[in-house]
Amino acid sequence: MLEKSVSLMLWWAWKWASEHPEESFGTVLETRVDVYRRTELHDGEIFDVMRPELSEPWQRLKRELAALAGECGSAEEFEARAMPRVAPLLPGRVERDLADLHEGRIFHQYKDSCLYFPERLWKEGNARVDFHIANNLYPKSFIAEPGYVDRCLLKLADDAERRLGAKEITCDSWLNSFEGWTRHLPPVWLERATEPRYDTEDHLGFWGQFLTHRQTFAEATGRRMRQLGRVPYGMRRSWCTIGELREWVASRD
């Protein structure tokens, strides 16, 4: 997963930078892709908050990669020449990442649900909670588990209403472009969804689509990105009321 996802990100970084000359290559490496977080230079959990500006080894590597990008005539050439410079920094993550995964630290906020929301309303004066999604059933798929997503959505609604007085739920994710997820939400969820965004950022809201439920690289999605020239599933935000959600889930029983 580390090798194939980082290789794809290097390809994408060159492609994006070539089409957006107003962004420096160093900025693209730190804001459009998630390379640093997947190297041993990042001392947190693999999907944890990162501070690349504090790592001098990364800053040196970033400058080297930016110079190399200027020598390359295609995304494929850059990927082939850059990957040997980044690859030695990946194996150092494996043992601790597997420990974090198998000991539950990566999903510790999710506990008994695939959904998590911070203990605050999304915006001040807005009775809406912003939730996040994770495959806490690893190595099984939360999407494939019968009835599981519906139960988690109802639990989210109950907890958000009880603890924060919430009346609505919202989420911004690539999953809002994926029918396997959106079929669990009421039809108004898709009707209200924003237009898909393909301007990637450095987080799983975009890059989670390249992870399988087994935390391996999603080969078919990676191939499709190279064919399309963008991420296959654009990131979208949508929302619904808790009442609409409960009515929809009840109608599916």
C-alpha atoms as a PDB file:
ATOM      1  CA  MET A   1       0.000   0.000   0.000  1.00  0.00           C
ATOM      2  CA  LEU A   2       2.748   2.461   0.935  1.00  0.00           C
ATOM      3  CA  GLU A   3       4.804   1.889  -2.188  1.00  0.00           C
ATOM      4  CA  LYS A   4       1.944   1.905  -4.679  1.00  0.00           C
ATOM      5  CA  SER A   5       0.052   4.826  -3.164  1.00  0.00           C
ATOM      6  CA  VAL A   6       3.168   6.992  -2.883  1.00  0.00           C
ATOM      7  CA  SER A   7       4.178   6.134  -6.458  1.00  0.00           C
ATOM      8  CA  LEU A   8       0.733   7.198  -7.671  1.00  0.00           C
ATOM      9  CA  MET A   9       0.960  10.411  -5.653  1.00  0.00           C
ATOM     10  CA  LEU A  10       4.318  11.300  -7.176  1.00  0.00           C
ATOM     11  CA  TRP A  11       2.796  10.805 -10.633  1.00  0.00           C
ATOM     12  CA  TRP A  12      -0.136  13.000  -9.680  1.00  0.00           C
ATOM     13  CA  ALA A  13       2.026  15.701  -8.073  1.00  0.00           C
ATOM     14  CA  TRP A  14       3.940  16.253 -11.341  1.00  0.00           C
ATOM     15  CA  LYS A  15       0.749  16.200 -13.390  1.00  0.00           C
ATOM     16  CA  TRP A  16      -1.051  18.667 -11.103  1.00  0.00           C
ATOM     17  CA  ALA A  17       1.927  21.011 -10.879  1.00  0.00           C
ATOM     18  CA  SER A  18       2.348  21.006 -14.677  1.00  0.00           C
ATOM     19  CA  GLU A  19      -1.280  22.070 -15.071  1.00  0.00           C
ATOM     20  CA  HIS A  20      -1.211  24.590 -12.205  1.00  0.00           C
ATOM     21  CA  PRO A  21       2.029  26.584 -12.537  1.00  0.00           C
ATOM     22  CA  GLU A  22       0.771  29.057  -9.945  1.00  0.00           C
ATOM     23  CA  GLU A  23       1.487  26.412  -7.273  1.00  0.00           C
ATOM     24  CA  SER A  24       5.091  25.588  -6.454  1.00  0.00           C
ATOM     25  CA  PHE A  25       6.064  21.930  -6.617  1.00  0.00           C
ATOM     26  CA  GLY A  26       6.956  21.964  -2.930  1.00  0.00           C
ATOM     27  CA  THR A  27       3.481  23.238  -2.087  1.00  0.00           C
ATOM     28  CA  VAL A  28       1.903  20.513  -4.209  1.00  0.00           C
ATOM     29  CA  LEU A  29       3.935  17.846  -2.385  1.00  0.00           C
ATOM     30  CA  GLU A  30       2.662  19.051   0.992  1.00  0.00           C
ATOM     31  CA  THR A  31      -0.919  20.011   0.209  1.00  0.00           C
ATOM     32  CA  ARG A  32      -2.147  17.974  -2.789  1.00  0.00           C
ATOM     33  CA  VAL A  33      -0.681  14.558  -1.944  1.00  0.00           C
ATOM     34  CA  ASP A  34       0.015  12.571   1.205  1.00  0.00           C
ATOM     35  CA  VAL A  35       3.612  11.462   0.640  1.00  0.00           C
ATOM     36  CA  TYR A  36       5.283  12.828   3.778  1.00  0.00           C
ATOM     37  CA  ARG A  37       2.793  11.200   6.145  1.00  0.00           C
ATOM     38  CA  ARG A  38       3.532   7.784   4.586  1.00  0.00           C
ATOM     39  CA  THR A  39       7.271   7.981   5.187  1.00  0.00           C
ATOM     40  CA  GLU A  40       9.197   7.225   8.361  1.00  0.00           C
ATOM     41  CA  LEU A  41       9.997  10.954   8.607  1.00  0.00           C
ATOM     42  CA  HIS A  42       6.459  11.475   9.940  1.00  0.00           C
ATOM     43  CA  ASP A  43       6.603  10.407  13.578  1.00  0.00           C
ATOM     44  CA  GLY A  44       2.837  10.108  14.144  1.00  0.00           C
ATOM     45  CA  GLU A  45       0.318   7.450  13.209  1.00  0.00           C
ATOM     46  CA  ILE A  46      -0.014   6.999   9.481  1.00  0.00           C
ATOM     47  CA  PHE A  47      -3.219   9.040   9.149  1.00  0.00           C
ATOM     48  CA  ASP A  48      -2.492  11.420  12.030  1.00  0.00           C
ATOM     49  CA  VAL A  49      -1.936  15.187  11.835  1.00  0.00           C
ATOM     50  CA  MET A  50       1.430  15.935  10.235  1.00  0.00           C
ATOM     51  CA  ARG A  51       3.945  18.775  10.538  1.00  0.00           C
ATOM     52  CA  PRO A  52       6.284  18.462   7.545  1.00  0.00           C
ATOM     53  CA  GLU A  53       7.699  21.941   8.139  1.00  0.00           C
ATOM     54  CA  LEU A  54       9.360  20.622  11.315  1.00  0.00           C
ATOM     55  CA  SER A  55      11.276  17.865   9.520  1.00  0.00           C
ATOM     56  CA  GLU A  56      14.546  19.052   7.998  1.00  0.00           C
ATOM     57  CA  PRO A  57      15.160  15.692   6.250  1.00  0.00           C
ATOM     58  CA  TRP A  58      11.797  16.058   4.546  1.00  0.00           C
ATOM     59  CA  GLN A  59      12.481  19.655   3.585  1.00  0.00           C
ATOM     60  CA  ARG A  60      15.756  18.559   1.945  1.00  0.00           C
ATOM     61  CA  LEU A  61      13.978  15.746   0.106  1.00  0.00           C
ATOM     62  CA  LYS A  62      11.231  18.127  -0.982  1.00  0.00           C
ATOM     63  CA  ARG A  63      13.802  20.475  -2.494  1.00  0.00           C
ATOM     64  CA  GLU A  64      15.470  17.559  -4.300  1.00  0.00           C
ATOM     65  CA  LEU A  65      12.148  16.357  -5.689  1.00  0.00           C
ATOM     66  CA  ALA A  66      11.206  19.870  -6.822  1.00  0.00           C
ATOM     67  CA  ALA A  67      14.510  20.173  -8.681  1.00  0.00           C
ATOM     68  CA  LEU A  68      14.025  16.737 -10.221  1.00  0.00           C
ATOM     69  CA  ALA A  69      10.500  17.644 -11.348  1.00  0.00           C
ATOM     70  CA  GLY A  70      11.950  20.503 -13.349  1.00  0.00           C
ATOM     71  CA  GLU A  71      14.175  18.060 -15.230  1.00  0.00           C
ATOM     72  CA  CYS A  72      11.340  15.709 -16.207  1.00  0.00           C
ATOM     73  CA  GLY A  73       9.140  15.916 -19.255  1.00  0.00           C
ATOM     74  CA  SER A  74       6.258  13.784 -18.034  1.00  0.00           C
ATOM     75  CA  ALA A  75       4.527  12.528 -14.920  1.00  0.00           C
ATOM     76  CA  GLU A  76       5.681   9.022 -15.748  1.00  0.00           C
ATOM     77  CA  GLU A  77       9.318  10.068 -15.978  1.00  0.00           C
ATOM     78  CA  PHE A  78       9.142  11.921 -12.681  1.00  0.00           C
ATOM     79  CA  GLU A  79       7.442   8.989 -10.957  1.00  0.00           C
ATOM     80  CA  ALA A  80      10.132   6.582 -12.207  1.00  0.00           C
ATOM     81  CA  ARG A  81      13.016   8.824 -11.153  1.00  0.00           C
ATOM     82  CA  ALA A  82      11.543  10.108  -7.875  1.00  0.00           C
ATOM     83  CA  MET A  83      10.328   6.824  -6.442  1.00  0.00           C
ATOM     84  CA  PRO A  84      13.849   5.419  -5.767  1.00  0.00           C
ATOM     85  CA  ARG A  85      14.533   8.501  -3.626  1.00  0.00           C
ATOM     86  CA  VAL A  86      11.370   8.102  -1.572  1.00  0.00           C
ATOM     87  CA  ALA A  87      11.115   4.299  -1.394  1.00  0.00           C
ATOM     88  CA  PRO A  88      13.873   3.834   1.256  1.00  0.00           C
ATOM     89  CA  LEU A  89      11.791   5.945   3.661  1.00  0.00           C
ATOM     90  CA  LEU A  90       8.749   3.645   3.499  1.00  0.00           C
ATOM     91  CA  PRO A  91       9.777   0.309   5.137  1.00  0.00           C
ATOM     92  CA  GLY A  92      10.435   2.054   8.454  1.00  0.00           C
ATOM     93  CA  ARG A  93       6.710   2.662   8.830  1.00  0.00           C
ATOM     94  CA  VAL A  94       5.550  -0.907   8.332  1.00  0.00           C
ATOM     95  CA  GLU A  95       6.083  -2.448  11.774  1.00  0.00           C
ATOM     96  CA  ARG A  96       4.591   0.445  13.735  1.00  0.00           C
ATOM     97  CA  ASP A  97       1.736   0.942  11.278  1.00  0.00           C
ATOM     98  CA  LEU A  98       0.748  -2.708  11.563  1.00  0.00           C
ATOM     99  CA  ALA A  99       0.942  -2.450  15.353  1.00  0.00           C
ATOM    100  CA  ASP A 100      -1.251   0.679  15.333  1.00  0.00           C
ATOM    101  CA  LEU A 101      -3.730  -1.099  13.065  1.00  0.00           C
ATOM    102  CA  HIS A 102      -3.883  -4.435  14.880  1.00  0.00           C
ATOM    103  CA  GLU A 103      -3.931  -2.869  18.348  1.00  0.00           C
ATOM    104  CA  GLY A 104      -6.761  -0.525  17.405  1.00  0.00           C
ATOM    105  CA  ARG A 105      -5.023   2.828  17.733  1.00  0.00           C
ATOM    106  CA  ILE A 106      -5.819   3.940  14.166  1.00  0.00           C
ATOM    107  CA  PHE A 107      -9.574   3.463  14.778  1.00  0.00           C
ATOM    108  CA  HIS A 108      -9.634   4.307  18.495  1.00  0.00           C
ATOM    109  CA  GLN A 109     -12.127   7.167  18.036  1.00  0.00           C
ATOM    110  CA  TYR A 110     -14.619   4.941  16.233  1.00  0.00           C
ATOM    111  CA  LYS A 111     -15.029   2.260  18.905  1.00  0.00           C
ATOM    112  CA  ASP A 112     -18.253   0.369  18.023  1.00  0.00           C
ATOM    113  CA  SER A 113     -19.191   2.377  14.922  1.00  0.00           C
ATOM    114  CA  CYS A 114     -17.781   3.186  11.482  1.00  0.00           C
ATOM    115  CA  LEU A 115     -18.797   6.817  12.086  1.00  0.00           C
ATOM    116  CA  TYR A 116     -17.300   9.421  14.412  1.00  0.00           C
ATOM    117  CA  PHE A 117     -18.095  13.058  15.145  1.00  0.00           C
ATOM    118  CA  PRO A 118     -16.221  15.605  17.291  1.00  0.00           C
ATOM    119  CA  GLU A 119     -17.949  16.820  20.446  1.00  0.00           C
ATOM    120  CA  ARG A 120     -19.044  20.087  18.894  1.00  0.00           C
ATOM    121  CA  LEU A 121     -21.473  21.337  16.288  1.00  0.00           C
ATOM    122  CA  TRP A 122     -20.086  21.831  12.798  1.00  0.00           C
ATOM    123  CA  LYS A 123     -20.526  25.590  12.811  1.00  0.00           C
ATOM    124  CA  GLU A 124     -21.501  27.964  15.551  1.00  0.00           C
ATOM    125  CA  GLY A 125     -25.237  28.534  15.501  1.00  0.00           C
ATOM    126  CA  ASN A 126     -25.731  25.525  13.222  1.00  0.00           C
ATOM    127  CA  ALA A 127     -27.429  22.447  14.708  1.00  0.00           C
ATOM    128  CA  ARG A 128     -25.417  20.147  12.417  1.00  0.00           C
ATOM    129  CA  VAL A 129     -22.631  17.663  13.188  1.00  0.00           C
ATOM    130  CA  ASP A 130     -19.819  16.892  10.772  1.00  0.00           C
ATOM    131  CA  PHE A 131     -18.962  13.184  10.865  1.00  0.00           C
ATOM    132  CA  HIS A 132     -16.087  11.065   9.594  1.00  0.00           C
ATOM    133  CA  ILE A 133     -16.037   7.513   8.219  1.00  0.00           C
ATOM    134  CA  ALA A 134     -13.589   4.631   8.746  1.00  0.00           C
ATOM    135  CA  ASN A 135     -13.532   0.894   8.168  1.00  0.00           C
ATOM    136  CA  ASN A 136     -13.463  -0.037  11.850  1.00  0.00           C
ATOM    137  CA  LEU A 137     -14.395  -3.640  10.944  1.00  0.00           C
ATOM    138  CA  TYR A 138     -10.936  -4.255   9.421  1.00  0.00           C
ATOM    139  CA  PRO A 139     -10.112  -6.708   7.916  1.00  0.00           C
ATOM    140  CA  LYS A 140     -13.793  -7.032   6.945  1.00  0.00           C
ATOM    141  CA  SER A 141     -15.612  -4.314   4.986  1.00  0.00           C
ATOM    142  CA  PHE A 142     -18.079  -2.105   6.876  1.00  0.00           C
ATOM    143  CA  ILE A 143     -19.918  -1.489   3.581  1.00  0.00           C
ATOM    144  CA  ALA A 144     -20.394  -5.217   2.963  1.00  0.00           C
ATOM    145  CA  GLU A 145     -21.602  -6.077   6.487  1.00  0.00           C
ATOM    146  CA  PRO A 146     -25.424  -6.445   6.305  1.00  0.00           C
ATOM    147  CA  GLY A 147     -27.247  -3.740   8.260  1.00  0.00           C
ATOM    148  CA  TYR A 148     -24.077  -2.336   9.809  1.00  0.00           C
ATOM    149  CA  VAL A 149     -24.000   1.084   8.139  1.00  0.00           C
ATOM    150  CA  ASP A 150     -27.687   1.662   8.898  1.00  0.00           C
ATOM    151  CA  ARG A 151     -27.130   0.822  12.571  1.00  0.00           C
ATOM    152  CA  CYS A 152     -24.143   3.144  12.736  1.00  0.00           C
ATOM    153  CA  LEU A 153     -26.094   5.978  11.119  1.00  0.00           C
ATOM    154  CA  LEU A 154     -28.927   5.611  13.627  1.00  0.00           C
ATOM    155  CA  LYS A 155     -26.435   5.526  16.506  1.00  0.00           C
ATOM    156  CA  LEU A 156     -24.799   8.661  15.117  1.00  0.00           C
ATOM    157  CA  ALA A 157     -28.169  10.383  14.964  1.00  0.00           C
ATOM    158  CA  ASP A 158     -29.085   9.355  18.514  1.00  0.00           C
ATOM    159  CA  ASP A 159     -25.716  10.360  19.985  1.00  0.00           C
ATOM    160  CA  ALA A 160     -25.523  13.688  18.133  1.00  0.00           C
ATOM    161  CA  GLU A 161     -29.074  14.594  19.135  1.00  0.00           C
ATOM    162  CA  ARG A 162     -28.616  13.593  22.767  1.00  0.00           C
ATOM    163  CA  ARG A 163     -25.157  15.027  23.381  1.00  0.00           C
ATOM    164  CA  LEU A 164     -25.204  18.168  21.209  1.00  0.00           C
ATOM    165  CA  GLY A 165     -28.849  18.834  20.399  1.00  0.00           C
ATOM    166  CA  ALA A 166     -28.077  18.283  16.724  1.00  0.00           C
ATOM    167  CA  LYS A 167     -30.850  18.253  14.147  1.00  0.00           C
ATOM    168  CA  GLU A 168     -28.760  17.589  11.022  1.00  0.00           C
ATOM    169  CA  ILE A 169     -25.715  15.576   9.946  1.00  0.00           C
ATOM    170  CA  THR A 170     -23.124  16.383   7.266  1.00  0.00           C
ATOM    171  CA  CYS A 171     -20.051  14.764   5.748  1.00  0.00           C
ATOM    172  CA  ASP A 172     -17.428  15.719   3.142  1.00  0.00           C
ATOM    173  CA  SER A 173     -15.875  12.646   1.531  1.00  0.00           C
ATOM    174  CA  TRP A 174     -15.076  10.781  -1.687  1.00  0.00           C
ATOM    175  CA  LEU A 175     -17.625   8.235  -0.450  1.00  0.00           C
ATOM    176  CA  ASN A 176     -20.378  10.694  -1.349  1.00  0.00           C
ATOM    177  CA  SER A 177     -19.525   9.835  -4.978  1.00  0.00           C
ATOM    178  CA  PHE A 178     -19.712   6.083  -4.296  1.00  0.00           C
ATOM    179  CA  GLU A 179     -23.085   4.311  -4.627  1.00  0.00           C
ATOM    180  CA  GLY A 180     -22.140   1.636  -2.116  1.00  0.00           C
ATOM    181  CA  TRP A 181     -22.187   4.359   0.533  1.00  0.00           C
ATOM    182  CA  THR A 182     -24.849   6.789  -0.682  1.00  0.00           C
ATOM    183  CA  ARG A 183     -27.548   4.101  -0.928  1.00  0.00           C
ATOM    184  CA  HIS A 184     -27.589   4.109   2.866  1.00  0.00           C
ATOM    185  CA  LEU A 185     -28.609   7.780   2.948  1.00  0.00           C
ATOM    186  CA  PRO A 186     -31.974   9.314   1.974  1.00  0.00           C
ATOM    187  CA  PRO A 187     -32.368  10.499  -1.647  1.00  0.00           C
ATOM    188  CA  VAL A 188     -32.079  14.149  -0.545  1.00  0.00           C
ATOM    189  CA  TRP A 189     -28.462  13.400   0.400  1.00  0.00           C
ATOM    190  CA  LEU A 190     -27.491  13.144  -3.269  1.00  0.00           C
ATOM    191  CA  GLU A 191     -29.825  15.964  -4.266  1.00  0.00           C
ATOM    192  CA  ARG A 192     -28.046  18.326  -1.862  1.00  0.00           C
ATOM    193  CA  ALA A 193     -24.512  17.108  -2.558  1.00  0.00           C
ATOM    194  CA  THR A 194     -21.999  19.638  -3.824  1.00  0.00           C
ATOM    195  CA  GLU A 195     -20.372  19.153  -7.208  1.00  0.00           C
ATOM    196  CA  PRO A 196     -17.507  16.624  -7.085  1.00  0.00           C
ATOM    197  CA  ARG A 197     -14.105  18.124  -6.343  1.00  0.00           C
ATOM    198  CA  TYR A 198     -11.005  16.671  -7.965  1.00  0.00           C
ATOM    199  CA  ASP A 199      -8.475  19.206  -6.599  1.00  0.00           C
ATOM    200  CA  THR A 200      -6.903  16.740  -4.195  1.00  0.00           C
ATOM    201  CA  GLU A 201      -5.710  17.579  -0.710  1.00  0.00           C
ATOM    202  CA  ASP A 202      -3.419  15.685   1.659  1.00  0.00           C
ATOM    203  CA  HIS A 203      -5.986  13.552   3.489  1.00  0.00           C
ATOM    204  CA  LEU A 204      -8.233  10.509   3.242  1.00  0.00           C
ATOM    205  CA  GLY A 205     -11.212  12.579   2.157  1.00  0.00           C
ATOM    206  CA  PHE A 206      -9.603  12.181  -1.275  1.00  0.00           C
ATOM    207  CA  TRP A 207      -6.966   9.470  -0.897  1.00  0.00           C
ATOM    208  CA  GLY A 208      -9.045   6.998   1.106  1.00  0.00           C
ATOM    209  CA  GLN A 209     -10.449   5.644  -2.157  1.00  0.00           C
ATOM    210  CA  PHE A 210      -7.095   3.955  -2.792  1.00  0.00           C
ATOM    211  CA  LEU A 211      -7.360   1.854   0.382  1.00  0.00           C
ATOM    212  CA  THR A 212      -9.176  -1.467   0.383  1.00  0.00           C
ATOM    213  CA  HIS A 213     -10.974  -2.756   3.470  1.00  0.00           C
ATOM    214  CA  ARG A 214      -7.845  -4.838   4.118  1.00  0.00           C
ATOM    215  CA  GLN A 215      -5.695  -1.673   4.129  1.00  0.00           C
ATOM    216  CA  THR A 216      -4.029  -2.712   0.869  1.00  0.00           C
ATOM    217  CA  PHE A 217      -3.747  -0.622  -2.289  1.00  0.00           C
ATOM    218  CA  ALA A 218      -6.904  -0.467  -4.424  1.00  0.00           C
ATOM    219  CA  GLU A 219      -5.368  -1.543  -7.721  1.00  0.00           C
ATOM    220  CA  ALA A 220      -8.423  -0.986  -9.938  1.00  0.00           C
ATOM    221  CA  THR A 221      -8.983   2.515  -8.547  1.00  0.00           C
ATOM    222  CA  GLY A 222      -5.330   3.352  -9.113  1.00  0.00           C
ATOM    223  CA  ARG A 223      -5.483   2.199 -12.730  1.00  0.00           C
ATOM    224  CA  ARG A 224      -8.652   4.184 -13.276  1.00  0.00           C
ATOM    225  CA  MET A 225      -7.026   7.350 -11.948  1.00  0.00           C
ATOM    226  CA  ARG A 226      -4.211   7.043 -14.458  1.00  0.00           C
ATOM    227  CA  GLN A 227      -6.731   6.521 -17.250  1.00  0.00           C
ATOM    228  CA  LEU A 228      -8.965   9.418 -16.226  1.00  0.00           C
ATOM    229  CA  GLY A 229      -6.173  11.782 -15.269  1.00  0.00           C
ATOM    230  CA  ARG A 230      -7.866  12.559 -11.939  1.00  0.00           C
ATOM    231  CA  VAL A 231      -9.142  10.783  -8.847  1.00  0.00           C
ATOM    232  CA  PRO A 232     -12.086   8.558  -9.861  1.00  0.00           C
ATOM    233  CA  TYR A 233     -14.328   9.633  -6.979  1.00  0.00           C
ATOM    234  CA  GLY A 234     -14.573  13.361  -6.401  1.00  0.00           C
ATOM    235  CA  MET A 235     -14.949  14.673  -2.868  1.00  0.00           C
ATOM    236  CA  ARG A 236     -18.459  15.959  -2.121  1.00  0.00           C
ATOM    237  CA  ARG A 237     -20.223  17.412   0.916  1.00  0.00           C
ATOM    238  CA  SER A 238     -23.854  16.743   1.688  1.00  0.00           C
ATOM    239  CA  TRP A 239     -26.291  16.797   4.583  1.00  0.00           C
ATOM    240  CA  CYS A 240     -29.700  15.684   5.750  1.00  0.00           C
ATOM    241  CA  THR A 241     -31.857  16.116   8.807  1.00  0.00           C
ATOM    242  CA  ILE A 242     -31.892  13.471  11.500  1.00  0.00           C
ATOM    243  CA  GLY A 243     -35.609  13.047  10.842  1.00  0.00           C
ATOM    244  CA  GLU A 244     -34.988  12.381   7.135  1.00  0.00           C
ATOM    245  CA  LEU A 245     -32.324   9.838   8.011  1.00  0.00           C
ATOM    246  CA  ARG A 246     -34.515   7.931  10.463  1.00  0.00           C
ATOM    247  CA  GLU A 247     -37.434   7.873   8.043  1.00  0.00           C
ATOM    248  CA  TRP A 248     -35.193   6.526   5.255  1.00  0.00           C
ATOM    249  CA  VAL A 249     -33.643   3.784   7.355  1.00  0.00           C
ATOM    250  CA  ALA A 250     -37.049   2.742   8.630  1.00  0.00           C
ATOM    251  CA  SER A 251     -38.365   2.495   5.060  1.00  0.00           C
ATOM    252  CA  ARG A 252     -35.543   0.067   4.208  1.00  0.00           C
ATOM    253  CA  ASP A 253     -36.265  -2.354   7.045  1.00  0.00           C
END
